[in-house]
Protein backbone atom coordinates (compact mmCIF):
# COMPACT_ATOMS: atom_id res chain seq x y z
CA UNK A 1 20.68 14.84 -31.86
CA UNK A 2 21.10 11.98 -29.38
CA UNK A 3 19.10 12.07 -26.15
CA UNK A 4 20.35 9.56 -23.58
CA UNK A 5 18.40 7.65 -20.97
CA UNK A 6 20.60 9.22 -18.30
CA UNK A 7 19.56 12.70 -19.47
CA UNK A 8 15.89 11.74 -19.24
CA UNK A 9 16.42 10.20 -15.80
CA UNK A 10 18.11 13.40 -14.60
CA UNK A 11 15.37 15.58 -16.12
CA UNK A 12 12.66 13.57 -14.31
CA UNK A 13 14.57 13.74 -11.01
CA UNK A 14 14.99 17.51 -11.26
CA UNK A 15 11.33 17.94 -12.23
CA UNK A 16 10.17 15.91 -9.23
CA UNK A 17 12.56 17.50 -6.72
CA UNK A 18 12.71 21.06 -8.01
CA UNK A 19 16.41 21.40 -7.26
CA UNK A 20 19.64 20.13 -8.76
CA UNK A 21 20.96 19.48 -5.25
CA UNK A 22 18.10 17.16 -4.28
CA UNK A 23 18.11 15.43 -7.66
CA UNK A 24 21.85 14.75 -7.46
CA UNK A 25 21.41 13.21 -4.01
CA UNK A 26 18.62 10.98 -5.24
CA UNK A 27 20.64 9.80 -8.24
CA UNK A 28 23.97 9.57 -6.36
CA UNK A 29 25.60 11.96 -8.84
CA UNK A 30 27.52 15.19 -8.33
CA UNK A 31 25.65 18.47 -8.75
CA UNK A 32 27.93 19.42 -11.61
CA UNK A 33 27.16 16.17 -13.45
CA UNK A 34 23.42 16.76 -13.07
CA UNK A 35 23.66 20.39 -14.19
CA UNK A 36 25.80 19.45 -17.20
CA UNK A 37 23.44 16.69 -18.35
CA UNK A 38 20.41 18.94 -17.92
CA UNK A 39 22.04 21.78 -19.87
CA UNK A 40 23.01 19.38 -22.67
CA UNK A 41 19.42 18.12 -22.89
CA UNK A 42 18.03 21.66 -23.03
CA UNK A 43 20.58 22.60 -25.73
CA UNK A 44 19.60 19.54 -27.76
CA UNK A 45 15.94 20.51 -27.48
CA UNK A 46 16.72 24.12 -28.37
CA UNK A 47 15.10 25.64 -25.31
CA UNK A 48 14.76 25.56 -21.55
CA UNK A 49 12.62 23.07 -19.67
CA UNK A 50 12.58 24.96 -16.38
CA UNK A 51 12.19 28.50 -15.06
CA UNK A 52 14.52 29.47 -12.22
CA UNK A 53 13.02 30.96 -9.04
CA UNK A 54 15.88 31.54 -6.63
CA UNK A 55 17.33 28.10 -5.86
CA UNK A 56 14.29 26.30 -7.23
CA UNK A 57 13.72 25.11 -10.79
CA UNK A 58 10.06 25.27 -11.80
CA UNK A 59 9.09 23.12 -14.76
CA UNK A 60 7.71 25.17 -17.67
CA UNK A 61 5.24 24.29 -20.44
CA UNK A 62 7.92 22.54 -22.54
CA UNK A 63 9.04 20.54 -19.54
CA UNK A 64 5.47 19.56 -18.65
CA UNK A 65 5.06 18.24 -22.19
CA UNK A 66 8.24 16.17 -21.97
CA UNK A 67 7.76 14.82 -18.42
CA UNK A 68 5.10 12.10 -19.06
CA UNK A 69 6.91 11.02 -22.23
CA UNK A 70 10.22 10.70 -20.38
CA UNK A 71 8.59 8.74 -17.55
CA UNK A 72 6.98 6.34 -20.02
CA UNK A 73 10.29 5.75 -21.83
CA UNK A 74 12.11 5.04 -18.55
CA UNK A 75 9.29 2.73 -17.43
CA UNK A 76 9.48 0.71 -20.65
CA UNK A 77 13.26 0.39 -20.29
CA UNK A 78 12.77 -0.89 -16.73
CA UNK A 79 10.28 -3.45 -18.04
CA UNK A 80 12.80 -4.68 -20.61
CA UNK A 81 15.53 -4.96 -17.98
CA UNK A 82 13.24 -6.80 -15.58
CA UNK A 83 12.04 -9.30 -18.17
CA UNK A 84 15.46 -10.00 -19.66
CA UNK A 85 17.14 -10.40 -16.29
CA UNK A 86 14.91 -13.31 -15.23
CA UNK A 87 17.11 -16.25 -14.26
CA UNK A 88 15.35 -19.25 -15.73
CA UNK A 89 12.87 -20.69 -13.20
CA UNK A 90 14.77 -19.33 -10.19
CA UNK A 91 12.92 -16.75 -8.15
CA UNK A 92 15.37 -13.96 -7.37
CA UNK A 93 15.56 -10.21 -7.37
CA UNK A 94 14.38 -7.18 -5.44
CA UNK A 95 10.67 -6.44 -5.00
CA UNK A 96 9.25 -3.14 -3.75
CA UNK A 97 5.84 -3.35 -2.10
CA UNK A 98 3.42 -0.74 -0.75
CA UNK A 99 0.80 -1.94 1.71
CA UNK A 100 -1.98 -0.05 3.42
CA UNK A 101 -1.92 -0.07 7.20
CA UNK A 102 -4.04 -3.12 8.10
CA UNK A 103 -2.36 -5.35 5.53
CA UNK A 104 1.16 -4.01 6.04
CA UNK A 105 1.12 -4.28 9.82
CA UNK A 106 -1.03 -7.37 10.44
CA UNK A 107 -0.93 -9.65 7.40
CA UNK A 108 1.98 -9.27 4.96
CA UNK A 109 4.89 -9.47 7.46
CA UNK A 110 4.08 -13.15 8.04
CA UNK A 111 3.86 -13.83 4.29
CA UNK A 112 7.13 -12.02 3.65
CA UNK A 113 8.88 -14.02 6.38
CA UNK A 114 7.86 -17.37 4.90
CA UNK A 115 8.48 -16.25 1.31
CA UNK A 116 12.03 -15.25 2.23
CA UNK A 117 12.63 -18.69 3.74
CA UNK A 118 11.47 -20.34 0.52
CA UNK A 119 13.40 -17.98 -1.77
CA UNK A 120 16.59 -16.75 -0.03
CA UNK A 121 17.80 -14.91 -3.16
CA UNK A 122 14.84 -12.50 -2.96
CA UNK A 123 14.98 -9.11 -1.26
CA UNK A 124 11.64 -7.55 -0.32
CA UNK A 125 11.14 -3.94 0.70
CA UNK A 126 7.74 -2.97 2.08
CA UNK A 127 6.46 0.55 2.74
CA UNK A 128 3.41 0.81 5.00
CA UNK A 129 1.12 3.73 4.14
CA UNK A 130 -2.55 4.38 3.47
CA UNK A 131 -4.42 3.33 0.33
CA UNK A 132 -4.20 6.74 -1.33
CA UNK A 133 -0.43 6.87 -0.83
CA UNK A 134 0.02 3.29 -2.08
CA UNK A 135 -1.88 4.17 -5.25
CA UNK A 136 0.34 7.21 -5.77
CA UNK A 137 3.51 5.13 -5.35
CA UNK A 138 2.24 2.65 -7.95
CA UNK A 139 1.41 5.41 -10.46
CA UNK A 140 4.81 7.07 -9.97
CA UNK A 141 6.60 3.74 -10.50
CA UNK A 142 8.25 3.80 -7.06
CA UNK A 143 6.93 0.36 -6.06
CA UNK A 144 6.14 -2.82 -7.99
CA UNK A 145 3.08 -4.11 -6.13
CA UNK A 146 0.50 -2.71 -3.76
CA UNK A 147 -1.80 -4.41 -1.25
CA UNK A 148 -4.69 -2.15 -0.26
CA UNK A 149 -8.00 -2.16 1.62
CA UNK A 150 -9.52 1.03 0.19
CA UNK A 151 -10.83 1.99 -3.22
CA UNK A 152 -8.44 2.79 -6.06
CA UNK A 153 -9.58 5.24 -8.71
CA UNK A 154 -6.62 5.86 -11.06
CA UNK A 155 -7.34 4.43 -14.50
CA UNK A 156 -3.73 3.23 -14.92
CA UNK A 157 -3.82 1.08 -11.78
CA UNK A 158 -5.06 -2.49 -12.13
CA UNK A 159 -6.80 -4.04 -9.10
CA UNK A 160 -7.06 -7.77 -8.39
CA UNK A 161 -9.30 -9.16 -5.58
CA UNK A 162 -7.27 -10.87 -2.86
CA UNK A 163 -8.77 -11.55 0.60
CA UNK A 164 -12.14 -11.05 2.24
CA UNK A 165 -12.26 -9.02 5.43
CA UNK A 166 -14.94 -7.67 7.77
CA UNK A 167 -15.11 -4.40 9.66
CA UNK A 168 -16.35 -4.58 13.26
CA UNK A 169 -17.03 -2.03 15.98
CA UNK A 170 -14.67 -2.27 18.95
CA UNK A 171 -15.10 -0.96 22.49
CA UNK A 172 -13.41 -1.28 25.86
CA UNK A 173 -14.90 -3.98 28.13
CA UNK A 174 -16.04 -1.19 30.48
CA UNK A 175 -17.80 0.80 27.74
CA UNK A 176 -21.64 0.70 27.73
CA UNK A 177 -21.56 -0.74 24.20
CA UNK A 178 -19.65 -3.78 25.49
CA UNK A 179 -22.89 -5.04 27.07
CA UNK A 180 -24.31 -5.60 23.59
CA UNK A 181 -23.46 -8.30 21.04
CA UNK A 182 -24.34 -6.28 17.94
CA UNK A 183 -24.11 -2.62 16.93
CA UNK A 184 -27.31 -1.17 15.47
CA UNK A 185 -27.27 1.49 12.77
CA UNK A 186 -28.46 4.18 13.10
CA UNK A 187 -29.72 3.70 16.69
CA UNK A 188 -26.29 3.26 18.30
CA UNK A 189 -24.38 5.55 15.97
CA UNK A 190 -24.91 8.88 17.69
CA UNK A 191 -24.60 7.40 21.18
CA UNK A 192 -20.83 7.02 20.72
CA UNK A 193 -17.75 9.15 20.39
CA UNK A 194 -15.74 7.77 17.46
CA UNK A 195 -12.00 7.38 17.06
CA UNK A 196 -11.18 7.32 13.36
CA UNK A 197 -8.23 6.69 11.11
CA UNK A 198 -6.81 9.67 9.20
CA UNK A 199 -8.17 10.89 5.85
CA UNK A 200 -6.90 8.66 3.04
CA UNK A 201 -7.16 5.52 5.16
CA UNK A 202 -8.87 2.61 3.42
CA UNK A 203 -10.61 1.50 6.62
CA UNK A 204 -12.09 4.96 7.28
CA UNK A 205 -13.05 5.31 3.62
CA UNK A 206 -14.90 1.98 3.52
CA UNK A 207 -16.61 2.52 6.89
CA UNK A 208 -18.03 5.91 5.90
CA UNK A 209 -19.18 4.56 2.55
CA UNK A 210 -20.95 1.63 4.27
CA UNK A 211 -22.80 4.07 6.53
CA UNK A 212 -24.20 5.96 3.53
CA UNK A 213 -26.62 8.70 4.64
CA UNK A 214 -26.11 7.65 8.26
CA UNK A 215 -22.58 9.09 8.19
CA UNK A 216 -24.06 12.44 9.32
CA UNK A 217 -24.63 10.89 12.76
CA UNK A 218 -20.93 10.14 13.20
CA UNK A 219 -19.48 12.10 16.13
CA UNK A 220 -15.71 12.03 15.60
CA UNK A 221 -13.75 12.68 18.80
CA UNK A 222 -10.31 12.25 17.25
CA UNK A 223 -8.41 10.99 14.18
CA UNK A 224 -5.29 8.92 14.68
CA UNK A 225 -2.78 7.81 12.06
CA UNK A 226 -2.20 4.24 13.22
CA UNK A 227 -4.40 1.29 14.10
CA UNK A 228 -2.40 0.51 17.24
CA UNK A 229 -3.00 4.04 18.52
CA UNK A 230 -6.73 3.65 17.88
CA UNK A 231 -6.88 0.33 19.74
CA UNK A 232 -5.11 1.82 22.76
CA UNK A 233 -7.39 4.87 22.74
CA UNK A 234 -10.46 2.62 22.64
CA UNK A 235 -9.00 0.42 25.37
CA UNK A 236 -8.63 3.53 27.56
CA UNK A 237 -12.34 4.27 27.16
CA UNK A 238 -11.95 7.36 24.96
CA UNK A 239 -14.54 6.12 22.47
CA UNK A 240 -15.37 3.35 20.02
CA UNK A 241 -13.90 2.60 16.61
CA UNK A 242 -14.47 0.54 13.53
CA UNK A 243 -11.52 -1.62 12.50
CA UNK A 244 -10.72 -4.71 10.48
CA UNK A 245 -11.30 -7.99 12.29
CA UNK A 246 -7.76 -8.91 11.20
CA UNK A 247 -6.27 -6.31 13.56
CA UNK A 248 -7.87 -7.21 16.89
CA UNK A 249 -7.44 -10.97 17.30
CA UNK A 250 -4.96 -10.82 20.16
CA UNK A 251 -6.80 -8.09 22.08
CA UNK A 252 -10.02 -10.11 21.91
CA UNK A 253 -8.28 -13.23 23.19
CA UNK A 254 -6.71 -11.29 26.05
CA UNK A 255 -9.98 -9.58 26.94
CA UNK A 256 -8.67 -6.05 26.41
CA UNK A 257 -11.26 -5.23 23.75
CA UNK A 258 -14.73 -6.40 22.76
CA UNK A 259 -16.09 -6.48 19.22
CA UNK A 260 -19.61 -6.03 17.90
CA UNK A 261 -20.84 -7.05 14.47
CA UNK A 262 -22.77 -4.27 12.76
CA UNK A 263 -26.45 -5.13 12.36
CA UNK A 264 -28.27 -4.14 9.20
CA UNK A 265 -25.20 -3.35 7.11
CA UNK A 266 -22.88 -5.58 5.13
CA UNK A 267 -19.49 -4.68 6.60
CA UNK A 268 -17.55 -7.14 4.46
CA UNK A 269 -14.88 -5.80 2.14
CA UNK A 270 -12.37 -7.14 -0.34
CA UNK A 271 -8.66 -6.50 0.01
CA UNK A 272 -6.88 -6.04 -3.33
CA UNK A 273 -3.47 -6.32 -4.90
CA UNK A 274 -2.65 -3.50 -7.30
CA UNK A 275 -0.01 -2.80 -9.93
CA UNK A 276 0.58 -0.34 -12.75
CA UNK A 277 -1.51 -1.43 -15.73
CA UNK A 278 1.36 -1.27 -18.24
CA UNK A 279 4.03 -2.71 -15.96
CA UNK A 280 5.38 -6.11 -16.98
CA UNK A 281 4.63 -8.85 -14.43
CA UNK A 282 8.02 -10.39 -13.74
CA UNK A 283 8.55 -13.89 -12.42
CA UNK A 284 9.21 -12.53 -8.94
CA UNK A 285 6.04 -10.41 -8.92
CA UNK A 286 3.93 -13.35 -10.09
CA UNK A 287 5.53 -15.69 -7.56
CA UNK A 288 4.77 -13.38 -4.65
CA UNK A 289 1.17 -12.67 -5.75
CA UNK A 290 0.52 -16.41 -6.23
CA UNK A 291 2.12 -17.19 -2.88
CA UNK A 292 -0.06 -14.65 -1.05
CA UNK A 293 -3.14 -16.10 -2.77
CA UNK A 294 -2.56 -19.48 -1.10
CA UNK A 295 -4.27 -18.24 2.04
CA UNK A 296 -7.56 -17.95 0.11
CA UNK A 297 -7.60 -21.68 -0.48
CA UNK A 298 -7.52 -22.52 3.22
CA UNK A 299 -9.31 -19.48 4.70
CA UNK A 300 -7.24 -19.48 7.90
CA UNK A 301 -8.83 -16.23 9.08
CA UNK A 302 -8.23 -14.71 12.45
CA UNK A 303 -6.89 -17.84 14.14
CA UNK A 304 -3.82 -17.96 11.93
CA UNK A 305 -3.09 -14.26 12.29
CA UNK A 306 -3.32 -14.60 16.06
CA UNK A 307 -0.62 -17.23 15.84
CA UNK A 308 2.19 -16.41 13.38
CA UNK A 309 3.51 -19.94 13.90
CA UNK A 310 0.24 -21.47 12.63
CA UNK A 311 0.19 -19.20 9.61
CA UNK A 312 3.80 -19.98 8.76
CA UNK A 313 3.17 -23.72 9.08
CA UNK A 314 0.18 -23.40 6.75
CA UNK A 315 2.02 -21.40 4.12
CA UNK A 316 5.11 -23.61 4.22
CA UNK A 317 2.95 -26.72 3.85
CA UNK A 318 0.85 -25.26 1.03
CA UNK A 319 3.97 -24.06 -0.79
CA UNK A 320 6.17 -27.11 -0.37
CA UNK A 321 8.52 -27.89 -3.32
CA UNK A 322 6.07 -30.37 -4.79
CA UNK A 323 3.32 -27.75 -4.91
CA UNK A 324 5.32 -24.61 -5.56
CA UNK A 325 3.94 -22.28 -8.25
CA UNK A 326 5.92 -19.35 -9.61
CA UNK A 327 4.00 -18.23 -12.66
């Protein structure tokens, strides 16, 4: 009996998609090729791995036993390919990144732009999602690295501290809260209508955890799935919100929003990089993580993020050829 990697890859694709049609599209194979490989695998294992329900294939107990084993085998093969394809000290290759909203929209694009200038042979693909989704993508092996602001709980995901951030309360200049310089908890909490990020958001998760027992006083007027939507809703006077200080630099400078530091609570948080615990750290992965860590040495903060040009100048200077680190 000889089970091939292609058979295992096809089995995993069918298990995840539930249909031969969808699996064939994902793998860029014909439906007949997928069906044939799957049938051969089931014949070799002397039994079916799926139960048919109309057009869907539902994985059975045998298939559920094989699925994690097949995924682990394919992951180890990918690790071997990644390690053996390193080209000396050159940084090259394709890197898939998942970033939660604040980081993906307001921080990493500048880093990616400069990194690409330094290493033209690198291709970077970034998916912006919430922390929970980024963790799921890491576990499923669909991305190489994650950059998140919320808590990660999966025991197979390794977290590494990256940047320090602070959550602040924001209000429109015409809102009654804008007359204050600090936000008091719990006194001011139930005086406001709150505009929150969606469930699964790292910012919302951290904010509610910081409030502790005071979270019961939170009057949520609406939940929105993007930070920009929240800022515009706050600007219109629909309520107040709690967001990362990294996201509001330009609005503060232009006078479209005001920010209040929360009194009596530590609203600081740590942003993390994450990766699958058993995934090999390739040269490209290490180079990008090390490159992103350069900002910690200089603590550019909000001023640099308000001016992409300043941030790019900093990163290019800190990562000049004489100082470049790729391991």
